[in-house]
PDB file of N, CA and C in Angstrom:
ATOM      1  N   MET A   1      -0.490 -18.500  19.193  1.00  0.00           N
ATOM      2  CA  MET A   1      -0.873 -18.158  17.851  1.00  0.00           C
ATOM      3  C   MET A   1      -1.729 -16.885  17.833  1.00  0.00           C
ATOM      4  N   LYS A   2      -2.635 -16.785  18.805  1.00  0.00           N
ATOM      5  CA  LYS A   2      -3.495 -15.604  18.869  1.00  0.00           C
ATOM      6  C   LYS A   2      -2.671 -14.341  19.106  1.00  0.00           C
ATOM      7  N   ALA A   3      -1.662 -14.422  19.968  1.00  0.00           N
ATOM      8  CA  ALA A   3      -0.805 -13.262  20.235  1.00  0.00           C
ATOM      9  C   ALA A   3      -0.042 -12.866  18.980  1.00  0.00           C
ATOM     10  N   ARG A   4       0.431 -13.855  18.248  1.00  0.00           N
ATOM     11  CA  ARG A   4       1.174 -13.578  17.000  1.00  0.00           C
ATOM     12  C   ARG A   4       0.284 -12.903  15.968  1.00  0.00           C
ATOM     13  N   LEU A   5      -0.962 -13.377  15.859  1.00  0.00           N
ATOM     14  CA  LEU A   5      -1.923 -12.769  14.949  1.00  0.00           C
ATOM     15  C   LEU A   5      -2.174 -11.314  15.326  1.00  0.00           C
ATOM     16  N   ARG A   6      -2.342 -11.046  16.617  1.00  0.00           N
ATOM     17  CA  ARG A   6      -2.566  -9.670  17.071  1.00  0.00           C
ATOM     18  C   ARG A   6      -1.352  -8.790  16.760  1.00  0.00           C
ATOM     19  N   GLU A   7      -0.141  -9.308  16.996  1.00  0.00           N
ATOM     20  CA  GLU A   7       1.079  -8.549  16.687  1.00  0.00           C
ATOM     21  C   GLU A   7       1.144  -8.214  15.196  1.00  0.00           C
ATOM     22  N   ASN A   8       0.853  -9.199  14.362  1.00  0.00           N
ATOM     23  CA  ASN A   8       0.874  -8.964  12.908  1.00  0.00           C
ATOM     24  C   ASN A   8      -0.179  -7.938  12.498  1.00  0.00           C
ATOM     25  N   PHE A   9      -1.369  -8.046  13.087  1.00  0.00           N
ATOM     26  CA  PHE A   9      -2.436  -7.085  12.799  1.00  0.00           C
ATOM     27  C   PHE A   9      -2.007  -5.679  13.192  1.00  0.00           C
ATOM     28  N   GLU A  10      -1.482  -5.522  14.391  1.00  0.00           N
ATOM     29  CA  GLU A  10      -1.059  -4.204  14.866  1.00  0.00           C
ATOM     30  C   GLU A  10       0.073  -3.633  14.020  1.00  0.00           C
ATOM     31  N   ALA A  11       0.990  -4.480  13.580  1.00  0.00           N
ATOM     32  CA  ALA A  11       2.075  -4.023  12.698  1.00  0.00           C
ATOM     33  C   ALA A  11       1.513  -3.559  11.359  1.00  0.00           C
ATOM     34  N   ALA A  12       0.543  -4.290  10.833  1.00  0.00           N
ATOM     35  CA  ALA A  12      -0.069  -3.907   9.558  1.00  0.00           C
ATOM     36  C   ALA A  12      -0.774  -2.562   9.675  1.00  0.00           C
ATOM     37  N   VAL A  13      -1.533  -2.368  10.731  1.00  0.00           N
ATOM     38  CA  VAL A  13      -2.222  -1.088  10.946  1.00  0.00           C
ATOM     39  C   VAL A  13      -1.209   0.039  11.080  1.00  0.00           C
ATOM     40  N   ALA A  14      -0.136  -0.181  11.818  1.00  0.00           N
ATOM     41  CA  ALA A  14       0.898   0.845  11.991  1.00  0.00           C
ATOM     42  C   ALA A  14       1.563   1.201  10.666  1.00  0.00           C
ATOM     43  N   ASP A  15       1.652   0.224   9.754  1.00  0.00           N
ATOM     44  CA  ASP A  15       2.261   0.468   8.447  1.00  0.00           C
ATOM     45  C   ASP A  15       1.287   1.089   7.451  1.00  0.00           C
ATOM     46  N   GLY A  16       0.020   1.251   7.844  1.00  0.00           N
ATOM     47  CA  GLY A  16      -0.955   1.886   6.969  1.00  0.00           C
ATOM     48  C   GLY A  16      -1.730   0.933   6.089  1.00  0.00           C
ATOM     49  N   VAL A  17      -1.662  -0.356   6.377  1.00  0.00           N
ATOM     50  CA  VAL A  17      -2.414  -1.329   5.582  1.00  0.00           C
ATOM     51  C   VAL A  17      -3.904  -1.042   5.741  1.00  0.00           C
ATOM     52  N   PHE A  18      -4.607  -1.048   4.618  1.00  0.00           N
ATOM     53  CA  PHE A  18      -6.032  -0.754   4.598  1.00  0.00           C
ATOM     54  C   PHE A  18      -6.698  -1.753   3.674  1.00  0.00           C
ATOM     55  N   GLY A  19      -7.008  -2.920   4.173  1.00  0.00           N
ATOM     56  CA  GLY A  19      -7.678  -3.931   3.362  1.00  0.00           C
ATOM     57  C   GLY A  19      -6.743  -5.025   2.916  1.00  0.00           C
ATOM     58  N   VAL A  20      -7.355  -6.020   2.324  1.00  0.00           N
ATOM     59  CA  VAL A  20      -6.623  -7.199   1.873  1.00  0.00           C
ATOM     60  C   VAL A  20      -6.994  -7.449   0.427  1.00  0.00           C
ATOM     61  N   PRO A  21      -6.111  -7.759  -0.461  1.00  0.00           N
ATOM     62  CA  PRO A  21      -4.674  -7.857  -0.219  1.00  0.00           C
ATOM     63  C   PRO A  21      -3.993  -6.497  -0.274  1.00  0.00           C
ATOM     64  N   THR A  22      -2.955  -6.357   0.508  1.00  0.00           N
ATOM     65  CA  THR A  22      -2.082  -5.190   0.445  1.00  0.00           C
ATOM     66  C   THR A  22      -0.661  -5.686   0.232  1.00  0.00           C
ATOM     67  N   LEU A  23       0.002  -5.128  -0.760  1.00  0.00           N
ATOM     68  CA  LEU A  23       1.397  -5.461  -1.038  1.00  0.00           C
ATOM     69  C   LEU A  23       2.261  -4.265  -0.689  1.00  0.00           C
ATOM     70  N   ALA A  24       3.387  -4.504  -0.042  1.00  0.00           N
ATOM     71  CA  ALA A  24       4.350  -3.444   0.265  1.00  0.00           C
ATOM     72  C   ALA A  24       5.542  -3.611  -0.663  1.00  0.00           C
ATOM     73  N   VAL A  25       5.820  -2.558  -1.436  1.00  0.00           N
ATOM     74  CA  VAL A  25       6.943  -2.580  -2.381  1.00  0.00           C
ATOM     75  C   VAL A  25       7.724  -1.286  -2.191  1.00  0.00           C
ATOM     76  N   GLY A  26       8.947  -1.406  -1.700  1.00  0.00           N
ATOM     77  CA  GLY A  26       9.797  -0.231  -1.540  1.00  0.00           C
ATOM     78  C   GLY A  26       9.182   0.855  -0.680  1.00  0.00           C
ATOM     79  N   GLY A  27       8.454   0.470   0.361  1.00  0.00           N
ATOM     80  CA  GLY A  27       7.853   1.456   1.238  1.00  0.00           C
ATOM     81  C   GLY A  27       6.512   1.988   0.770  1.00  0.00           C
ATOM     82  N   GLU A  28       6.073   1.590  -0.413  1.00  0.00           N
ATOM     83  CA  GLU A  28       4.761   1.992  -0.938  1.00  0.00           C
ATOM     84  C   GLU A  28       3.788   0.836  -0.765  1.00  0.00           C
ATOM     85  N   LEU A  29       2.526   1.158  -0.474  1.00  0.00           N
ATOM     86  CA  LEU A  29       1.502   0.136  -0.332  1.00  0.00           C
ATOM     87  C   LEU A  29       0.630   0.097  -1.577  1.00  0.00           C
ATOM     88  N   PHE A  30       0.359  -1.107  -2.037  1.00  0.00           N
ATOM     89  CA  PHE A  30      -0.512  -1.336  -3.179  1.00  0.00           C
ATOM     90  C   PHE A  30      -1.683  -2.162  -2.669  1.00  0.00           C
ATOM     91  N   TRP A  31      -2.874  -1.587  -2.733  1.00  0.00           N
ATOM     92  CA  TRP A  31      -4.038  -2.213  -2.129  1.00  0.00           C
ATOM     93  C   TRP A  31      -5.001  -2.705  -3.198  1.00  0.00           C
ATOM     94  N   GLY A  32      -5.458  -3.927  -3.028  1.00  0.00           N
ATOM     95  CA  GLY A  32      -6.491  -4.482  -3.891  1.00  0.00           C
ATOM     96  C   GLY A  32      -5.937  -5.415  -4.954  1.00  0.00           C
ATOM     97  N   GLU A  33      -6.780  -6.349  -5.324  1.00  0.00           N
ATOM     98  CA  GLU A  33      -6.415  -7.355  -6.331  1.00  0.00           C
ATOM     99  C   GLU A  33      -5.978  -6.706  -7.645  1.00  0.00           C
ATOM    100  N   ASP A  34      -6.610  -5.598  -8.007  1.00  0.00           N
ATOM    101  CA  ASP A  34      -6.296  -4.943  -9.278  1.00  0.00           C
ATOM    102  C   ASP A  34      -4.967  -4.178  -9.247  1.00  0.00           C
ATOM    103  N   ALA A  35      -4.306  -4.094  -8.098  1.00  0.00           N
ATOM    104  CA  ALA A  35      -3.035  -3.370  -7.995  1.00  0.00           C
ATOM    105  C   ALA A  35      -1.818  -4.266  -8.209  1.00  0.00           C
ATOM    106  N   HIS A  36      -2.028  -5.567  -8.333  1.00  0.00           N
ATOM    107  CA  HIS A  36      -0.891  -6.483  -8.465  1.00  0.00           C
ATOM    108  C   HIS A  36      -0.035  -6.186  -9.694  1.00  0.00           C
ATOM    109  N   ASP A  37      -0.664  -5.926 -10.828  1.00  0.00           N
ATOM    110  CA  ASP A  37       0.111  -5.639 -12.039  1.00  0.00           C
ATOM    111  C   ASP A  37       0.977  -4.392 -11.863  1.00  0.00           C
ATOM    112  N   PHE A  38       0.405  -3.357 -11.233  1.00  0.00           N
ATOM    113  CA  PHE A  38       1.176  -2.133 -11.023  1.00  0.00           C
ATOM    114  C   PHE A  38       2.313  -2.376 -10.042  1.00  0.00           C
ATOM    115  N   ALA A  39       2.061  -3.149  -8.988  1.00  0.00           N
ATOM    116  CA  ALA A  39       3.121  -3.465  -8.026  1.00  0.00           C
ATOM    117  C   ALA A  39       4.258  -4.207  -8.714  1.00  0.00           C
ATOM    118  N   GLU A  40       3.924  -5.151  -9.591  1.00  0.00           N
ATOM    119  CA  GLU A  40       4.961  -5.877 -10.337  1.00  0.00           C
ATOM    120  C   GLU A  40       5.725  -4.941 -11.257  1.00  0.00           C
ATOM    121  N   ALA A  41       5.019  -3.988 -11.867  1.00  0.00           N
ATOM    122  CA  ALA A  41       5.688  -3.021 -12.747  1.00  0.00           C
ATOM    123  C   ALA A  41       6.658  -2.157 -11.943  1.00  0.00           C
ATOM    124  N   VAL A  42       6.277  -1.769 -10.736  1.00  0.00           N
ATOM    125  CA  VAL A  42       7.157  -0.958  -9.877  1.00  0.00           C
ATOM    126  C   VAL A  42       8.369  -1.774  -9.434  1.00  0.00           C
ATOM    127  N   LEU A  43       8.172  -3.069  -9.194  1.00  0.00           N
ATOM    128  CA  LEU A  43       9.325  -3.918  -8.875  1.00  0.00           C
ATOM    129  C   LEU A  43      10.324  -3.913 -10.019  1.00  0.00           C
ATOM    130  N   ALA A  44       9.825  -3.951 -11.243  1.00  0.00           N
ATOM    131  CA  ALA A  44      10.693  -3.961 -12.424  1.00  0.00           C
ATOM    132  C   ALA A  44      11.292  -2.581 -12.697  1.00  0.00           C
ATOM    133  N   ASP A  45      10.548  -1.509 -12.376  1.00  0.00           N
ATOM    134  CA  ASP A  45      11.002  -0.148 -12.667  1.00  0.00           C
ATOM    135  C   ASP A  45      10.508   0.807 -11.584  1.00  0.00           C
ATOM    136  N   PRO A  46      11.254   0.939 -10.476  1.00  0.00           N
ATOM    137  CA  PRO A  46      10.820   1.802  -9.370  1.00  0.00           C
ATOM    138  C   PRO A  46      10.619   3.267  -9.760  1.00  0.00           C
ATOM    139  N   SER A  47      11.203   3.703 -10.883  1.00  0.00           N
ATOM    140  CA  SER A  47      11.042   5.098 -11.290  1.00  0.00           C
ATOM    141  C   SER A  47       9.597   5.418 -11.687  1.00  0.00           C
ATOM    142  N   LEU A  48       8.758   4.405 -11.871  1.00  0.00           N
ATOM    143  CA  LEU A  48       7.345   4.656 -12.167  1.00  0.00           C
ATOM    144  C   LEU A  48       6.685   5.490 -11.071  1.00  0.00           C
ATOM    145  N   LEU A  49       7.173   5.349  -9.851  1.00  0.00           N
ATOM    146  CA  LEU A  49       6.595   6.104  -8.739  1.00  0.00           C
ATOM    147  C   LEU A  49       6.955   7.582  -8.800  1.00  0.00           C
ATOM    148  N   ASP A  50       7.928   7.939  -9.629  1.00  0.00           N
ATOM    149  CA  ASP A  50       8.327   9.335  -9.787  1.00  0.00           C
ATOM    150  C   ASP A  50       7.663  10.003 -10.983  1.00  0.00           C
ATOM    151  N   ASP A  51       6.847   9.255 -11.707  1.00  0.00           N
ATOM    152  CA  ASP A  51       6.146   9.798 -12.870  1.00  0.00           C
ATOM    153  C   ASP A  51       5.227  10.943 -12.433  1.00  0.00           C
ATOM    154  N   PRO A  52       5.213  12.058 -13.177  1.00  0.00           N
ATOM    155  CA  PRO A  52       4.388  13.200 -12.766  1.00  0.00           C
ATOM    156  C   PRO A  52       2.901  12.851 -12.606  1.00  0.00           C
ATOM    157  N   GLU A  53       2.370  12.006 -13.456  1.00  0.00           N
ATOM    158  CA  GLU A  53       0.953  11.637 -13.331  1.00  0.00           C
ATOM    159  C   GLU A  53       0.703  10.821 -12.062  1.00  0.00           C
ATOM    160  N   PHE A  54       1.625   9.935 -11.725  1.00  0.00           N
ATOM    161  CA  PHE A  54       1.492   9.170 -10.488  1.00  0.00           C
ATOM    162  C   PHE A  54       1.515  10.107  -9.292  1.00  0.00           C
ATOM    163  N   ARG A  55       2.440  11.060  -9.285  1.00  0.00           N
ATOM    164  CA  ARG A  55       2.529  12.023  -8.176  1.00  0.00           C
ATOM    165  C   ARG A  55       1.258  12.861  -8.078  1.00  0.00           C
ATOM    166  N   ARG A  56       0.689  13.252  -9.228  1.00  0.00           N
ATOM    167  CA  ARG A  56      -0.552  14.044  -9.222  1.00  0.00           C
ATOM    168  C   ARG A  56      -1.689  13.239  -8.587  1.00  0.00           C
ATOM    169  N   VAL A  57      -1.806  11.978  -8.994  1.00  0.00           N
ATOM    170  CA  VAL A  57      -2.886  11.145  -8.482  1.00  0.00           C
ATOM    171  C   VAL A  57      -2.718  10.871  -6.993  1.00  0.00           C
ATOM    172  N   THR A  58      -1.483  10.645  -6.549  1.00  0.00           N
ATOM    173  CA  THR A  58      -1.278  10.365  -5.130  1.00  0.00           C
ATOM    174  C   THR A  58      -1.514  11.600  -4.265  1.00  0.00           C
ATOM    175  N   ALA A  59      -1.519  12.784  -4.865  1.00  0.00           N
ATOM    176  CA  ALA A  59      -1.773  14.008  -4.102  1.00  0.00           C
ATOM    177  C   ALA A  59      -3.267  14.306  -3.973  1.00  0.00           C
ATOM    178  N   LEU A  60      -4.114  13.551  -4.663  1.00  0.00           N
ATOM    179  CA  LEU A  60      -5.566  13.776  -4.562  1.00  0.00           C
ATOM    180  C   LEU A  60      -6.034  13.441  -3.141  1.00  0.00           C
ATOM    181  N   PRO A  61      -7.110  14.090  -2.682  1.00  0.00           N
ATOM    182  CA  PRO A  61      -7.602  13.811  -1.325  1.00  0.00           C
ATOM    183  C   PRO A  61      -8.091  12.357  -1.201  1.00  0.00           C
ATOM    184  N   MET A  62      -7.919  11.796  -0.010  1.00  0.00           N
ATOM    185  CA  MET A  62      -8.374  10.436   0.252  1.00  0.00           C
ATOM    186  C   MET A  62      -9.868  10.423   0.521  1.00  0.00           C
ATOM    187  N   ALA A  63     -10.535   9.389   0.013  1.00  0.00           N
ATOM    188  CA  ALA A  63     -11.955   9.239   0.258  1.00  0.00           C
ATOM    189  C   ALA A  63     -12.222   8.629   1.634  1.00  0.00           C
ATOM    190  N   ALA A  64     -11.284   7.818   2.110  1.00  0.00           N
ATOM    191  CA  ALA A  64     -11.451   7.171   3.415  1.00  0.00           C
ATOM    192  C   ALA A  64     -10.109   7.143   4.127  1.00  0.00           C
ATOM    193  N   VAL A  65     -10.126   7.412   5.398  1.00  0.00           N
ATOM    194  CA  VAL A  65      -8.909   7.390   6.200  1.00  0.00           C
ATOM    195  C   VAL A  65      -9.204   6.568   7.460  1.00  0.00           C
ATOM    196  N   ARG A  66      -8.327   5.618   7.750  1.00  0.00           N
ATOM    197  CA  ARG A  66      -8.507   4.793   8.949  1.00  0.00           C
ATOM    198  C   ARG A  66      -8.291   5.654  10.188  1.00  0.00           C
ATOM    199  N   GLY A  67      -9.201   5.550  11.120  1.00  0.00           N
ATOM    200  CA  GLY A  67      -9.104   6.296  12.381  1.00  0.00           C
ATOM    201  C   GLY A  67      -8.013   5.722  13.264  1.00  0.00           C
ATOM    202  N   GLY A  68      -7.390   6.530  14.051  1.00  0.00           N
ATOM    203  CA  GLY A  68      -6.294   6.056  14.878  1.00  0.00           C
ATOM    204  C   GLY A  68      -6.518   6.192  16.264  1.00  0.00           C
TER     205      GLY A  68
END
């Protein structure tokens, strides 16, 4: 069980997971309890990720980056 937990942890880190909860939808990560509604909206309409405002916000600099 411990080995399986470590494998899952390492896979999550490799996928860019940063905190809990993190949801993966179509290759995009949605982090935090407050992101669930947006993740559900993207499931219903993946084109939301192509919205110009979404692209602008995702291009902003990150405040924290996990060290590798």
